Amino acid sequence: MSKNGLILLTPTSIAYTGTSASISANGSVEFSACTTVSLNGVFSADYDNYMIVMRWQQFVTDATTTFRLRNLGVDDSTANSYVRQYLQADSTTVGAGRGTANLTWFTNSGIAQRNGNVAYIYGPYLAQPTAGRTVGADSESNAFLRDIAFTHNQSNSYDGFTWITSNTFTGRIAVYGMRK
């Protein structure tokens, strides 16, 4: 085990809604035609901060992808507990916005495109509000870009998360702990 850097973490379990999902031999999670993918037991006292790397493809128009923290297999969907700010660029149009809900936007939602995101989650296992940031790009409109920062105002400890789409997606998720 390395003393520095990022450590690939294996979930203790996963849950999903859709065709299939499994934990691969290296610890990443592969999924096919799912609407939700939940990773349990990836956040712990061993690390304070995490990096999540995702790649996926969606096959239906106007899909959105969102995120919820979870503990012991239960999503935290407390009303208005997630606040997000975002910047996005699509072709020559640049936009921004803010939202508050029981989940947060988490990724791009390109249609029938290859999508990728890197997310950083700060202190999810600590019993304090959690913050995060995710940056994603896809090949829709020649490199659509979305940068999202979020906070979750509940002072709870979380050991996992659920990634949700309004339609179906297929891809892979890997979670890395950042050495203290």
C-alpha atoms as a PDB file:
ATOM      1  CA  MET A   1       0.000   0.000   0.000  1.00  0.00           C
ATOM      2  CA  SER A   2       1.347   3.435  -0.968  1.00  0.00           C
ATOM      3  CA  LYS A   3       2.086   6.019   1.699  1.00  0.00           C
ATOM      4  CA  ASN A   4       1.156   8.872  -0.664  1.00  0.00           C
ATOM      5  CA  GLY A   5      -1.355   9.638  -3.352  1.00  0.00           C
ATOM      6  CA  LEU A   6      -4.642   8.037  -4.302  1.00  0.00           C
ATOM      7  CA  ILE A   7      -5.802   4.579  -3.240  1.00  0.00           C
ATOM      8  CA  LEU A   8      -8.442   2.747  -5.324  1.00  0.00           C
ATOM      9  CA  LEU A   9     -11.242   1.694  -2.966  1.00  0.00           C
ATOM     10  CA  THR A  10     -13.553  -1.292  -3.344  1.00  0.00           C
ATOM     11  CA  PRO A  11     -17.174  -0.837  -2.212  1.00  0.00           C
ATOM     12  CA  THR A  12     -18.365  -3.231   0.492  1.00  0.00           C
ATOM     13  CA  SER A  13     -21.529  -3.650  -1.598  1.00  0.00           C
ATOM     14  CA  ILE A  14     -23.460  -2.082  -4.452  1.00  0.00           C
ATOM     15  CA  ALA A  15     -27.119  -1.682  -5.314  1.00  0.00           C
ATOM     16  CA  TYR A  16     -28.611  -0.752  -8.668  1.00  0.00           C
ATOM     17  CA  THR A  17     -31.812  -0.400 -10.617  1.00  0.00           C
ATOM     18  CA  GLY A  18     -31.456  -1.663 -14.154  1.00  0.00           C
ATOM     19  CA  THR A  19     -29.936  -4.487 -16.162  1.00  0.00           C
ATOM     20  CA  SER A  20     -26.648  -5.173 -14.365  1.00  0.00           C
ATOM     21  CA  ALA A  21     -23.877  -3.816 -12.140  1.00  0.00           C
ATOM     22  CA  SER A  22     -20.884  -5.529 -10.589  1.00  0.00           C
ATOM     23  CA  ILE A  23     -17.690  -4.834  -8.702  1.00  0.00           C
ATOM     24  CA  SER A  24     -14.724  -5.642 -10.945  1.00  0.00           C
ATOM     25  CA  ALA A  25     -11.571  -7.393  -9.750  1.00  0.00           C
ATOM     26  CA  ASN A  26      -9.775  -4.041  -9.317  1.00  0.00           C
ATOM     27  CA  GLY A  27     -12.600  -2.508  -7.225  1.00  0.00           C
ATOM     28  CA  SER A  28     -14.275  -0.272  -9.796  1.00  0.00           C
ATOM     29  CA  VAL A  29     -17.984  -0.713 -10.535  1.00  0.00           C
ATOM     30  CA  GLU A  30     -19.195  -1.539 -14.032  1.00  0.00           C
ATOM     31  CA  PHE A  31     -22.873  -1.091 -14.890  1.00  0.00           C
ATOM     32  CA  SER A  32     -25.177  -1.517 -17.890  1.00  0.00           C
ATOM     33  CA  ALA A  33     -28.558   0.080 -18.668  1.00  0.00           C
ATOM     34  CA  CYS A  34     -29.115   1.328 -15.093  1.00  0.00           C
ATOM     35  CA  THR A  35     -31.135   4.221 -13.701  1.00  0.00           C
ATOM     36  CA  THR A  36     -29.384   4.179 -10.300  1.00  0.00           C
ATOM     37  CA  VAL A  37     -26.044   2.865  -9.099  1.00  0.00           C
ATOM     38  CA  SER A  38     -25.250   2.971  -5.362  1.00  0.00           C
ATOM     39  CA  LEU A  39     -21.818   2.330  -3.865  1.00  0.00           C
ATOM     40  CA  ASN A  40     -21.772   1.422  -0.168  1.00  0.00           C
ATOM     41  CA  GLY A  41     -18.786   1.382   2.159  1.00  0.00           C
ATOM     42  CA  VAL A  42     -16.398   3.488   0.045  1.00  0.00           C
ATOM     43  CA  PHE A  43     -16.083   6.403   2.527  1.00  0.00           C
ATOM     44  CA  SER A  44     -14.466   5.662   5.902  1.00  0.00           C
ATOM     45  CA  ALA A  45     -12.333   7.100   8.695  1.00  0.00           C
ATOM     46  CA  ASP A  46      -9.245   6.080   6.695  1.00  0.00           C
ATOM     47  CA  TYR A  47      -9.550   9.113   4.367  1.00  0.00           C
ATOM     48  CA  ASP A  48     -11.059  12.594   4.624  1.00  0.00           C
ATOM     49  CA  ASN A  49     -11.289  13.386   0.896  1.00  0.00           C
ATOM     50  CA  TYR A  50     -12.122  11.341  -2.188  1.00  0.00           C
ATOM     51  CA  MET A  51     -11.890  11.444  -5.956  1.00  0.00           C
ATOM     52  CA  ILE A  52     -14.553   9.716  -8.051  1.00  0.00           C
ATOM     53  CA  VAL A  53     -13.824   9.021 -11.722  1.00  0.00           C
ATOM     54  CA  MET A  54     -16.749   8.172 -13.988  1.00  0.00           C
ATOM     55  CA  ARG A  55     -17.278   7.403 -17.633  1.00  0.00           C
ATOM     56  CA  TRP A  56     -20.627   6.538 -19.118  1.00  0.00           C
ATOM     57  CA  GLN A  57     -22.985   6.753 -22.041  1.00  0.00           C
ATOM     58  CA  GLN A  58     -26.689   7.589 -22.043  1.00  0.00           C
ATOM     59  CA  PHE A  59     -29.057   6.605 -24.795  1.00  0.00           C
ATOM     60  CA  VAL A  60     -32.124   8.821 -24.333  1.00  0.00           C
ATOM     61  CA  THR A  61     -32.617  12.543 -24.908  1.00  0.00           C
ATOM     62  CA  ASP A  62     -32.970  15.089 -22.086  1.00  0.00           C
ATOM     63  CA  ALA A  63     -31.554  12.859 -19.357  1.00  0.00           C
ATOM     64  CA  THR A  64     -30.183  14.392 -16.174  1.00  0.00           C
ATOM     65  CA  THR A  65     -27.668  12.802 -13.828  1.00  0.00           C
ATOM     66  CA  THR A  66     -27.754  13.532 -10.099  1.00  0.00           C
ATOM     67  CA  PHE A  67     -26.154  12.444  -6.838  1.00  0.00           C
ATOM     68  CA  ARG A  68     -27.078  11.732  -3.211  1.00  0.00           C
ATOM     69  CA  LEU A  69     -24.911  10.849  -0.234  1.00  0.00           C
ATOM     70  CA  ARG A  70     -25.927   7.670   1.625  1.00  0.00           C
ATOM     71  CA  ASN A  71     -25.168   5.804   4.827  1.00  0.00           C
ATOM     72  CA  LEU A  72     -25.822   2.171   5.703  1.00  0.00           C
ATOM     73  CA  GLY A  73     -27.619   1.674   2.386  1.00  0.00           C
ATOM     74  CA  VAL A  74     -30.012   4.647   2.735  1.00  0.00           C
ATOM     75  CA  ASP A  75     -29.860   7.821   0.611  1.00  0.00           C
ATOM     76  CA  ASP A  76     -30.038  11.181   2.372  1.00  0.00           C
ATOM     77  CA  SER A  77     -32.864  12.936   0.549  1.00  0.00           C
ATOM     78  CA  THR A  78     -33.517  15.653   3.151  1.00  0.00           C
ATOM     79  CA  ALA A  79     -35.477  18.470   1.485  1.00  0.00           C
ATOM     80  CA  ASN A  80     -33.385  21.461   0.347  1.00  0.00           C
ATOM     81  CA  SER A  81     -30.195  20.047   1.875  1.00  0.00           C
ATOM     82  CA  TYR A  82     -28.102  20.080  -1.320  1.00  0.00           C
ATOM     83  CA  VAL A  83     -27.106  23.449  -2.804  1.00  0.00           C
ATOM     84  CA  ARG A  84     -25.345  23.633  -6.173  1.00  0.00           C
ATOM     85  CA  GLN A  85     -23.685  26.319  -8.277  1.00  0.00           C
ATOM     86  CA  TYR A  86     -22.697  25.559 -11.839  1.00  0.00           C
ATOM     87  CA  LEU A  87     -20.971  26.961 -14.896  1.00  0.00           C
ATOM     88  CA  GLN A  88     -21.369  25.392 -18.293  1.00  0.00           C
ATOM     89  CA  ALA A  89     -20.250  25.964 -21.860  1.00  0.00           C
ATOM     90  CA  ASP A  90     -21.940  24.465 -24.895  1.00  0.00           C
ATOM     91  CA  SER A  91     -20.766  25.465 -28.365  1.00  0.00           C
ATOM     92  CA  THR A  92     -20.455  29.282 -28.029  1.00  0.00           C
ATOM     93  CA  THR A  93     -22.968  29.638 -25.196  1.00  0.00           C
ATOM     94  CA  VAL A  94     -21.842  29.997 -21.594  1.00  0.00           C
ATOM     95  CA  GLY A  95     -24.316  29.786 -18.695  1.00  0.00           C
ATOM     96  CA  ALA A  96     -24.495  29.563 -14.934  1.00  0.00           C
ATOM     97  CA  GLY A  97     -27.050  28.865 -12.236  1.00  0.00           C
ATOM     98  CA  ARG A  98     -27.850  27.856  -8.695  1.00  0.00           C
ATOM     99  CA  GLY A  99     -30.256  25.324  -7.246  1.00  0.00           C
ATOM    100  CA  THR A 100     -31.391  23.821  -3.953  1.00  0.00           C
ATOM    101  CA  ALA A 101     -33.039  20.387  -3.718  1.00  0.00           C
ATOM    102  CA  ASN A 102     -33.009  16.940  -2.099  1.00  0.00           C
ATOM    103  CA  LEU A 103     -30.165  15.903  -4.466  1.00  0.00           C
ATOM    104  CA  THR A 104     -27.550  17.681  -6.546  1.00  0.00           C
ATOM    105  CA  TRP A 105     -26.635  17.737 -10.200  1.00  0.00           C
ATOM    106  CA  PHE A 106     -23.504  15.727 -10.558  1.00  0.00           C
ATOM    107  CA  THR A 107     -22.553  15.264 -14.179  1.00  0.00           C
ATOM    108  CA  ASN A 108     -23.223  16.159 -17.772  1.00  0.00           C
ATOM    109  CA  SER A 109     -26.010  14.440 -19.585  1.00  0.00           C
ATOM    110  CA  GLY A 110     -24.892  14.024 -23.157  1.00  0.00           C
ATOM    111  CA  ILE A 111     -27.104  11.948 -25.384  1.00  0.00           C
ATOM    112  CA  ALA A 112     -25.544   8.883 -27.057  1.00  0.00           C
ATOM    113  CA  GLN A 113     -22.137  10.427 -26.412  1.00  0.00           C
ATOM    114  CA  ARG A 114     -19.137   9.355 -24.390  1.00  0.00           C
ATOM    115  CA  ASN A 115     -19.149  11.291 -21.133  1.00  0.00           C
ATOM    116  CA  GLY A 116     -16.600  11.624 -18.378  1.00  0.00           C
ATOM    117  CA  ASN A 117     -16.392  13.268 -14.973  1.00  0.00           C
ATOM    118  CA  VAL A 118     -13.979  13.679 -12.128  1.00  0.00           C
ATOM    119  CA  ALA A 119     -15.527  14.571  -8.774  1.00  0.00           C
ATOM    120  CA  TYR A 120     -13.947  15.528  -5.476  1.00  0.00           C
ATOM    121  CA  ILE A 121     -15.882  14.920  -2.248  1.00  0.00           C
ATOM    122  CA  TYR A 122     -14.595  16.630   0.892  1.00  0.00           C
ATOM    123  CA  GLY A 123     -15.185  15.001   4.282  1.00  0.00           C
ATOM    124  CA  PRO A 124     -18.237  12.799   3.614  1.00  0.00           C
ATOM    125  CA  TYR A 125     -17.443  10.411   6.485  1.00  0.00           C
ATOM    126  CA  LEU A 126     -16.940  13.262   8.962  1.00  0.00           C
ATOM    127  CA  ALA A 127     -20.049  14.269  10.955  1.00  0.00           C
ATOM    128  CA  GLN A 128     -20.152  17.739   9.423  1.00  0.00           C
ATOM    129  CA  PRO A 129     -21.586  19.332   6.259  1.00  0.00           C
ATOM    130  CA  THR A 130     -20.036  17.873   3.091  1.00  0.00           C
ATOM    131  CA  ALA A 131     -18.817  19.759   0.035  1.00  0.00           C
ATOM    132  CA  GLY A 132     -17.917  18.582  -3.436  1.00  0.00           C
ATOM    133  CA  ARG A 133     -16.967  19.617  -6.926  1.00  0.00           C
ATOM    134  CA  THR A 134     -17.338  17.806 -10.212  1.00  0.00           C
ATOM    135  CA  VAL A 135     -16.094  18.719 -13.661  1.00  0.00           C
ATOM    136  CA  GLY A 136     -17.378  16.899 -16.706  1.00  0.00           C
ATOM    137  CA  ALA A 137     -17.090  16.954 -20.458  1.00  0.00           C
ATOM    138  CA  ASP A 138     -18.767  15.118 -23.287  1.00  0.00           C
ATOM    139  CA  SER A 139     -18.689  15.136 -27.044  1.00  0.00           C
ATOM    140  CA  GLU A 140     -22.146  16.674 -27.430  1.00  0.00           C
ATOM    141  CA  SER A 141     -21.827  19.970 -29.379  1.00  0.00           C
ATOM    142  CA  ASN A 142     -18.053  19.510 -29.584  1.00  0.00           C
ATOM    143  CA  ALA A 143     -16.942  19.297 -25.949  1.00  0.00           C
ATOM    144  CA  PHE A 144     -19.803  20.380 -23.711  1.00  0.00           C
ATOM    145  CA  LEU A 145     -18.389  21.331 -20.292  1.00  0.00           C
ATOM    146  CA  ARG A 146     -20.082  21.581 -16.882  1.00  0.00           C
ATOM    147  CA  ASP A 147     -18.363  22.531 -13.605  1.00  0.00           C
ATOM    148  CA  ILE A 148     -20.534  22.006 -10.495  1.00  0.00           C
ATOM    149  CA  ALA A 149     -19.793  22.848  -6.875  1.00  0.00           C
ATOM    150  CA  PHE A 150     -22.170  21.643  -4.172  1.00  0.00           C
ATOM    151  CA  THR A 151     -22.661  21.547  -0.443  1.00  0.00           C
ATOM    152  CA  HIS A 152     -24.802  19.240   1.666  1.00  0.00           C
ATOM    153  CA  ASN A 153     -25.826  20.930   4.906  1.00  0.00           C
ATOM    154  CA  GLN A 154     -26.493  17.852   7.063  1.00  0.00           C
ATOM    155  CA  SER A 155     -23.915  17.097   9.790  1.00  0.00           C
ATOM    156  CA  ASN A 156     -24.011  13.338   9.241  1.00  0.00           C
ATOM    157  CA  SER A 157     -21.435  10.711   8.396  1.00  0.00           C
ATOM    158  CA  TYR A 158     -21.832   9.023   4.980  1.00  0.00           C
ATOM    159  CA  ASP A 159     -20.210   5.826   3.743  1.00  0.00           C
ATOM    160  CA  GLY A 160     -21.409   5.926   0.133  1.00  0.00           C
ATOM    161  CA  PHE A 161     -23.416   7.599  -2.588  1.00  0.00           C
ATOM    162  CA  THR A 162     -26.061   6.991  -5.246  1.00  0.00           C
ATOM    163  CA  TRP A 163     -25.655   8.153  -8.829  1.00  0.00           C
ATOM    164  CA  ILE A 164     -29.028   8.618 -10.552  1.00  0.00           C
ATOM    165  CA  THR A 165     -30.161   9.262 -14.126  1.00  0.00           C
ATOM    166  CA  SER A 166     -33.621  10.125 -15.385  1.00  0.00           C
ATOM    167  CA  ASN A 167     -33.224   7.446 -18.077  1.00  0.00           C
ATOM    168  CA  THR A 168     -30.507   4.759 -18.375  1.00  0.00           C
ATOM    169  CA  PHE A 169     -26.728   4.812 -18.526  1.00  0.00           C
ATOM    170  CA  THR A 170     -23.899   2.341 -19.017  1.00  0.00           C
ATOM    171  CA  GLY A 171     -20.325   2.792 -17.792  1.00  0.00           C
ATOM    172  CA  ARG A 172     -17.823   2.543 -14.934  1.00  0.00           C
ATOM    173  CA  ILE A 173     -17.186   4.296 -11.593  1.00  0.00           C
ATOM    174  CA  ALA A 174     -13.946   4.206  -9.583  1.00  0.00           C
ATOM    175  CA  VAL A 175     -13.533   5.772  -6.108  1.00  0.00           C
ATOM    176  CA  TYR A 176     -10.129   6.789  -4.756  1.00  0.00           C
ATOM    177  CA  GLY A 177      -9.253   7.796  -1.207  1.00  0.00           C
ATOM    178  CA  MET A 178      -6.746  10.631  -0.845  1.00  0.00           C
ATOM    179  CA  ARG A 179      -4.036   9.901   1.702  1.00  0.00           C
ATOM    180  CA  LYS A 180      -4.117  12.207   4.725  1.00  0.00           C
END
